Amino acid sequence: MNSDQPKTMRDVFIEAVCEKMREDERIFFVSADFGSPALDKVRENFKDRFINVGIAEQNLINVAVGLGLEGYIVYAYAIAPFITMRPYEQIRQSLAISSQVRPINVNLIGVGAGVSYDVSGPTHHCLEDISIMRLMPNFTVFSPSDWKLAEGFVDYSVKVSGPKYLRFDSKPLPSIYGDIGDLDFKKGFYELLNPPTGGEKVCLVSTGFMTHLALKAAKELKDIGVVDVFLLKPVDEKSLFESLKKYKYVIAIEEGFVNNGGLDALVSKIILDNQSDIRFKRMGFNDKYVFELGGRDYLHKLNNLDEESIIKTIKECL
């Protein structure tokens, strides 16, 4: 793992967007009364292209879509559960449906993926977003594991039109990736650990924060593969299967509800579509909300999603 100082995805991403705004007058930033240190620069330097709509996420979507339909590149910013679930009808009607008939580039930045707002309880946890945003036609769903990926996605978000949901962790995290200059974002995934030929038995497929735990668990054992899926939609399914087919077991790990259309559904679909005999397991949150109070590690342990539980599941496969 890269030893760079931990950083928040949102601040690194917004700083990169701010630099883009200096070069491109088409870029607008819209916030639902949600701040960050990096956002202060946008507010100060681009008063004519920064809009705070207040705590009104439904209006946030409508304003962003209106700007997008006029040809602007828009970034709409709020807490993850509130930018996805509160204005879901507006996202469906104004973004998903409209984008099928007219070009539009609107990027929804949701901060607080999974249980990264751990002590705030189930109202601020975001365990549904992977499933409900992958469900939406015409959407790109971006789930980075570190701030390097978040930073690198800015260019992609400007160049590639269409509605996008950016699923950011709220906490500062160390970087996993080094130089991502040649990373193919369209591919949608990256093999972080690829065991030598002949030793492949188990592969961990993870997204977002869970990639950090997957790497820690894999390095405690031997010959364990780790695939980081950072585009949950679309992803190059053919290439992903080529990476998975050399393993006997594949374990999908996500900070979201399992058996409900998340990362596990994506991976199991690929295995089924290719009529593969890969044995598949899934790890995530079961079908209930988390009311227990405590830090992220504690919530993971309660739900058998901590590093120790991942190692135990790998050993069961082996």
Protein backbone atom coordinates (compact mmCIF):
# COMPACT_ATOMS: atom_id res chain seq x y z
CA MET A 1 0.00 0.00 0.00
CA ASN A 2 1.25 3.46 -0.84
CA SER A 3 2.40 5.36 2.26
CA ASP A 4 1.13 8.79 1.21
CA GLN A 5 -0.58 10.89 3.84
CA PRO A 6 -4.28 10.07 4.20
CA LYS A 7 -6.60 12.50 2.41
CA THR A 8 -10.34 12.82 1.90
CA MET A 9 -11.65 11.96 -1.54
CA ARG A 10 -13.96 14.96 -1.60
CA ASP A 11 -11.29 17.60 -0.91
CA VAL A 12 -8.85 16.18 -3.46
CA PHE A 13 -11.62 15.87 -6.03
CA ILE A 14 -13.02 19.37 -5.43
CA GLU A 15 -9.55 20.92 -5.60
CA ALA A 16 -9.05 19.27 -9.00
CA VAL A 17 -12.47 20.48 -10.14
CA CYS A 18 -11.53 23.99 -8.99
CA GLU A 19 -8.47 23.90 -11.24
CA LYS A 20 -10.64 22.75 -14.14
CA MET A 21 -13.01 25.67 -13.51
CA ARG A 22 -10.11 28.06 -14.15
CA GLU A 23 -9.68 26.53 -17.60
CA ASP A 24 -13.27 25.75 -18.54
CA GLU A 25 -16.08 28.28 -18.06
CA ARG A 26 -18.69 25.62 -18.74
CA ILE A 27 -18.23 24.08 -15.27
CA PHE A 28 -20.73 24.82 -12.48
CA PHE A 29 -20.68 23.59 -8.89
CA VAL A 30 -23.96 23.24 -6.97
CA SER A 31 -24.18 22.37 -3.26
CA ALA A 32 -27.04 21.40 -0.95
CA ASP A 33 -25.66 23.50 1.91
CA PHE A 34 -22.81 21.03 2.38
CA GLY A 35 -19.27 22.34 2.77
CA SER A 36 -15.63 21.27 2.84
CA PRO A 37 -12.30 23.12 3.11
CA ALA A 38 -11.69 22.72 -0.62
CA LEU A 39 -15.15 24.04 -1.46
CA ASP A 40 -14.28 27.41 0.08
CA LYS A 41 -11.88 27.99 -2.84
CA VAL A 42 -14.64 27.32 -5.36
CA ARG A 43 -17.02 29.65 -3.53
CA GLU A 44 -14.44 32.46 -3.34
CA ASN A 45 -12.99 32.20 -6.84
CA PHE A 46 -16.09 31.36 -8.88
CA LYS A 47 -18.98 33.27 -7.34
CA ASP A 48 -20.81 33.29 -10.67
CA ARG A 49 -20.55 29.50 -11.08
CA PHE A 50 -21.16 28.31 -7.53
CA ILE A 51 -24.74 27.86 -6.27
CA ASN A 52 -25.87 26.83 -2.80
CA VAL A 53 -29.49 25.69 -3.04
CA GLY A 54 -29.79 25.07 0.71
CA ILE A 55 -30.88 21.84 2.34
CA ALA A 56 -33.04 20.95 -0.66
CA GLU A 57 -31.66 17.94 -2.51
CA GLN A 58 -34.64 17.64 -4.85
CA ASN A 59 -34.08 21.22 -5.97
CA LEU A 60 -30.35 20.47 -6.21
CA ILE A 61 -31.04 17.88 -8.90
CA ASN A 62 -33.44 20.13 -10.81
CA VAL A 63 -31.02 23.08 -10.82
CA ALA A 64 -28.15 20.82 -11.90
CA VAL A 65 -30.21 19.30 -14.71
CA GLY A 66 -31.34 22.74 -15.91
CA LEU A 67 -27.72 23.85 -16.19
CA GLY A 68 -26.75 20.56 -17.82
CA LEU A 69 -29.43 20.86 -20.48
CA GLU A 70 -28.00 24.29 -21.35
CA GLY A 71 -24.64 22.66 -22.12
CA TYR A 72 -22.85 23.19 -18.81
CA ILE A 73 -20.78 20.57 -16.98
CA VAL A 74 -22.28 20.32 -13.51
CA TYR A 75 -21.11 18.92 -10.17
CA ALA A 76 -23.87 18.54 -7.58
CA TYR A 77 -22.71 17.89 -4.03
CA ALA A 78 -24.38 16.54 -0.86
CA ILE A 79 -24.25 13.76 1.73
CA ALA A 80 -24.55 10.37 0.00
CA PRO A 81 -27.88 9.07 1.39
CA PHE A 82 -29.53 12.44 0.82
CA ILE A 83 -28.31 13.03 -2.75
CA THR A 84 -29.43 9.55 -3.83
CA MET A 85 -32.55 8.58 -1.88
CA ARG A 86 -34.29 11.88 -1.11
CA PRO A 87 -34.41 13.10 -4.75
CA TYR A 88 -34.67 9.65 -6.38
CA GLU A 89 -37.70 10.63 -8.46
CA GLN A 90 -35.90 13.73 -9.79
CA ILE A 91 -32.82 11.63 -10.60
CA ARG A 92 -34.97 9.16 -12.51
CA GLN A 93 -37.15 11.65 -14.38
CA SER A 94 -34.76 14.52 -14.99
CA LEU A 95 -31.42 12.71 -15.33
CA ALA A 96 -31.76 9.04 -16.23
CA ILE A 97 -34.69 9.45 -18.62
CA SER A 98 -33.70 12.83 -20.08
CA SER A 99 -30.11 11.75 -20.74
CA GLN A 100 -31.37 9.03 -23.06
CA VAL A 101 -32.74 11.62 -25.47
CA ARG A 102 -30.49 14.66 -24.86
CA PRO A 103 -26.77 14.92 -24.03
CA ILE A 104 -26.14 16.03 -20.47
CA ASN A 105 -23.13 15.97 -18.15
CA VAL A 106 -24.21 16.05 -14.49
CA ASN A 107 -22.03 14.52 -11.78
CA LEU A 108 -23.62 13.72 -8.42
CA ILE A 109 -21.01 13.74 -5.63
CA GLY A 110 -22.24 11.75 -2.63
CA VAL A 111 -20.05 11.88 0.49
CA GLY A 112 -20.47 9.25 3.20
CA ALA A 113 -20.52 5.91 1.37
CA GLY A 114 -21.21 2.82 3.43
CA VAL A 115 -20.82 3.46 7.15
CA SER A 116 -18.11 6.09 6.84
CA TYR A 117 -20.38 8.40 8.88
CA ASP A 118 -20.19 5.63 11.45
CA VAL A 119 -21.34 7.31 14.69
CA SER A 120 -24.18 9.20 12.96
CA GLY A 121 -26.36 6.11 12.84
CA PRO A 122 -28.57 4.53 10.18
CA THR A 123 -30.00 7.82 8.89
CA HIS A 124 -26.52 8.81 7.69
CA HIS A 125 -25.24 5.37 6.75
CA CYS A 126 -25.48 4.69 3.02
CA LEU A 127 -25.81 0.97 2.37
CA GLU A 128 -28.44 1.15 -0.40
CA ASP A 129 -26.76 3.46 -2.92
CA ILE A 130 -24.78 0.85 -4.86
CA SER A 131 -27.96 -1.08 -5.65
CA ILE A 132 -30.32 1.79 -6.40
CA MET A 133 -27.88 3.79 -8.52
CA ARG A 134 -26.71 0.75 -10.51
CA LEU A 135 -30.38 0.11 -11.25
CA MET A 136 -30.75 3.43 -13.08
CA PRO A 137 -30.29 3.21 -16.89
CA ASN A 138 -27.74 5.54 -18.52
CA PHE A 139 -25.87 6.14 -15.22
CA THR A 140 -22.18 5.72 -14.45
CA VAL A 141 -21.52 4.65 -10.85
CA PHE A 142 -18.01 5.43 -9.58
CA SER A 143 -16.85 3.88 -6.29
CA PRO A 144 -13.16 4.72 -5.70
CA SER A 145 -11.05 3.06 -3.05
CA ASP A 146 -8.68 5.98 -2.54
CA TRP A 147 -8.17 9.68 -3.20
CA LYS A 148 -5.82 9.00 -6.13
CA LEU A 149 -8.66 7.43 -8.09
CA ALA A 150 -11.00 10.24 -7.06
CA GLU A 151 -8.51 12.83 -8.30
CA GLY A 152 -7.92 10.99 -11.57
CA PHE A 153 -11.63 10.71 -12.28
CA VAL A 154 -12.01 14.49 -12.72
CA ASP A 155 -10.69 14.42 -16.30
CA TYR A 156 -12.94 11.46 -17.10
CA SER A 157 -15.98 13.23 -15.63
CA VAL A 158 -15.37 16.30 -17.80
CA LYS A 159 -14.71 14.43 -21.03
CA VAL A 160 -17.31 11.67 -20.76
CA SER A 161 -20.85 12.99 -20.91
CA GLY A 162 -23.84 11.46 -19.15
CA PRO A 163 -25.19 11.35 -15.60
CA LYS A 164 -22.78 9.97 -13.00
CA TYR A 165 -22.89 9.10 -9.32
CA LEU A 166 -19.60 9.46 -7.45
CA ARG A 167 -19.62 7.43 -4.23
CA PHE A 168 -17.03 8.98 -1.90
CA ASP A 169 -15.89 7.90 1.54
CA SER A 170 -16.15 10.63 4.17
CA LYS A 171 -12.93 9.82 6.06
CA PRO A 172 -9.28 10.55 5.18
CA LEU A 173 -7.76 7.40 3.68
CA PRO A 174 -4.24 6.44 2.59
CA SER A 175 -3.67 6.00 -1.11
CA ILE A 176 -3.60 2.54 -2.64
CA TYR A 177 -2.65 3.57 -6.16
CA GLY A 178 0.57 5.27 -7.19
CA ASP A 179 0.81 6.89 -10.62
CA ILE A 180 -2.54 6.31 -12.33
CA GLY A 181 -1.60 8.12 -15.53
CA ASP A 182 -2.10 5.00 -17.67
CA LEU A 183 -5.10 3.63 -15.76
CA ASP A 184 -8.00 2.75 -18.06
CA PHE A 185 -11.07 4.16 -16.33
CA LYS A 186 -13.34 2.67 -18.99
CA LYS A 187 -12.21 -0.82 -17.99
CA GLY A 188 -13.67 -0.17 -14.54
CA PHE A 189 -11.41 -2.34 -12.39
CA TYR A 190 -7.78 -3.03 -11.54
CA GLU A 191 -5.94 -6.14 -10.31
CA LEU A 192 -4.07 -4.93 -7.24
CA LEU A 193 -2.75 -8.37 -6.27
CA ASN A 194 -2.23 -11.00 -8.93
CA PRO A 195 -0.63 -14.19 -7.54
CA PRO A 196 1.91 -16.16 -9.60
CA THR A 197 0.50 -18.63 -12.09
CA GLY A 198 -0.41 -21.90 -10.43
CA GLY A 199 -1.08 -20.43 -7.02
CA GLU A 200 -4.47 -18.86 -7.69
CA LYS A 201 -7.18 -20.20 -5.44
CA VAL A 202 -9.07 -17.26 -3.94
CA CYS A 203 -9.74 -13.77 -5.29
CA LEU A 204 -11.26 -10.92 -3.29
CA VAL A 205 -13.35 -8.55 -5.41
CA SER A 206 -14.02 -5.33 -3.54
CA THR A 207 -15.05 -1.72 -4.01
CA GLY A 208 -14.59 1.53 -2.13
CA PHE A 209 -13.27 1.40 1.44
CA MET A 210 -13.50 -2.40 1.53
CA THR A 211 -10.55 -2.64 -0.84
CA HIS A 212 -8.33 -1.45 2.03
CA LEU A 213 -9.53 -4.34 4.21
CA ALA A 214 -9.28 -6.79 1.31
CA LEU A 215 -5.62 -5.88 0.79
CA LYS A 216 -4.83 -6.23 4.50
CA ALA A 217 -6.50 -9.63 4.68
CA ALA A 218 -4.85 -10.88 1.47
CA LYS A 219 -1.40 -9.90 2.66
CA GLU A 220 -1.88 -11.94 5.84
CA LEU A 221 -2.17 -15.04 3.65
CA LYS A 222 -0.50 -16.25 0.45
CA ASP A 223 -1.57 -16.40 -3.18
CA ILE A 224 -4.71 -14.34 -2.72
CA GLY A 225 -5.83 -12.09 -5.56
CA VAL A 226 -7.43 -8.69 -5.06
CA VAL A 227 -9.48 -6.93 -7.74
CA ASP A 228 -10.65 -3.37 -7.07
CA VAL A 229 -13.87 -2.56 -8.95
CA PHE A 230 -14.10 1.24 -9.12
CA LEU A 231 -16.75 1.47 -11.84
CA LEU A 232 -19.80 -0.43 -10.67
CA LYS A 233 -21.52 0.63 -13.88
CA PRO A 234 -20.47 0.29 -16.62
CA VAL A 235 -17.60 -2.18 -16.23
CA ASP A 236 -15.82 -4.22 -18.88
CA GLU A 237 -17.44 -7.54 -17.95
CA LYS A 238 -15.48 -9.56 -20.49
CA SER A 239 -12.13 -8.33 -19.16
CA LEU A 240 -13.24 -8.77 -15.56
CA PHE A 241 -14.16 -12.40 -16.22
CA GLU A 242 -10.75 -12.98 -17.81
CA SER A 243 -9.21 -11.83 -14.52
CA LEU A 244 -11.51 -13.99 -12.38
CA LYS A 245 -11.61 -17.25 -14.32
CA LYS A 246 -8.19 -18.40 -13.07
CA TYR A 247 -9.51 -18.63 -9.49
CA LYS A 248 -11.42 -21.43 -7.85
CA TYR A 249 -13.15 -19.13 -5.35
CA VAL A 250 -14.25 -15.52 -5.70
CA ILE A 251 -15.42 -13.48 -2.70
CA ALA A 252 -17.25 -10.17 -3.29
CA ILE A 253 -16.80 -7.68 -0.42
CA GLU A 254 -18.79 -4.47 -0.17
CA GLU A 255 -19.93 -1.94 2.40
CA GLY A 256 -23.52 -2.24 1.31
CA PHE A 257 -26.51 -4.58 1.47
CA VAL A 258 -25.81 -7.96 -0.14
CA ASN A 259 -28.29 -10.00 -2.20
CA ASN A 260 -29.86 -6.73 -3.33
CA GLY A 261 -28.21 -5.76 -6.60
CA GLY A 262 -24.83 -4.48 -5.41
CA LEU A 263 -21.29 -5.56 -6.24
CA ASP A 264 -22.17 -9.18 -5.49
CA ALA A 265 -24.91 -9.07 -8.13
CA LEU A 266 -22.46 -7.71 -10.69
CA VAL A 267 -19.88 -10.44 -10.00
CA SER A 268 -22.40 -13.29 -9.82
CA LYS A 269 -23.92 -12.15 -13.14
CA ILE A 270 -20.53 -12.29 -14.82
CA ILE A 271 -19.87 -15.79 -13.45
CA LEU A 272 -23.33 -17.00 -14.51
CA ASP A 273 -23.23 -15.40 -17.96
CA ASN A 274 -19.99 -17.24 -18.68
CA GLN A 275 -21.34 -20.54 -17.31
CA SER A 276 -18.28 -20.73 -15.08
CA ASP A 277 -17.77 -23.22 -12.26
CA ILE A 278 -16.15 -20.56 -10.05
CA ARG A 279 -17.39 -20.92 -6.48
CA PHE A 280 -18.77 -17.63 -5.24
CA LYS A 281 -19.24 -16.07 -1.80
CA ARG A 282 -20.44 -12.61 -0.81
CA MET A 283 -19.68 -10.43 2.20
CA GLY A 284 -21.52 -7.28 3.19
CA PHE A 285 -24.37 -6.08 5.39
CA ASN A 286 -27.42 -8.29 5.80
CA ASP A 287 -30.97 -7.08 5.30
CA LYS A 288 -31.24 -4.81 8.35
CA TYR A 289 -30.12 -1.36 9.45
CA VAL A 290 -27.30 -0.83 11.93
CA PHE A 291 -28.48 0.89 15.11
CA GLU A 292 -25.47 -0.02 17.26
CA LEU A 293 -23.23 2.94 18.07
CA GLY A 294 -19.50 2.81 17.57
CA GLY A 295 -16.66 3.36 15.14
CA ARG A 296 -16.40 1.79 11.73
CA ASP A 297 -14.22 -1.11 12.91
CA TYR A 298 -16.79 -1.95 15.59
CA LEU A 299 -19.69 -1.88 13.11
CA HIS A 300 -17.74 -4.11 10.73
CA LYS A 301 -16.98 -6.61 13.48
CA LEU A 302 -20.63 -6.77 14.52
CA ASN A 303 -21.57 -7.56 10.92
CA ASN A 304 -18.76 -10.05 10.20
CA LEU A 305 -17.14 -7.66 7.75
CA ASP A 306 -13.88 -6.91 9.58
CA GLU A 307 -10.42 -8.08 8.52
CA GLU A 308 -10.59 -11.09 10.83
CA SER A 309 -13.89 -12.20 9.30
CA ILE A 310 -12.52 -11.81 5.78
CA ILE A 311 -9.49 -13.95 6.66
CA LYS A 312 -11.79 -16.57 8.22
CA THR A 313 -13.89 -16.71 5.05
CA ILE A 314 -10.77 -17.11 2.89
CA LYS A 315 -9.53 -19.97 5.10
CA GLU A 316 -12.91 -21.69 4.80
CA CYS A 317 -12.47 -21.63 1.03
CA LEU A 318 -8.92 -22.93 1.23
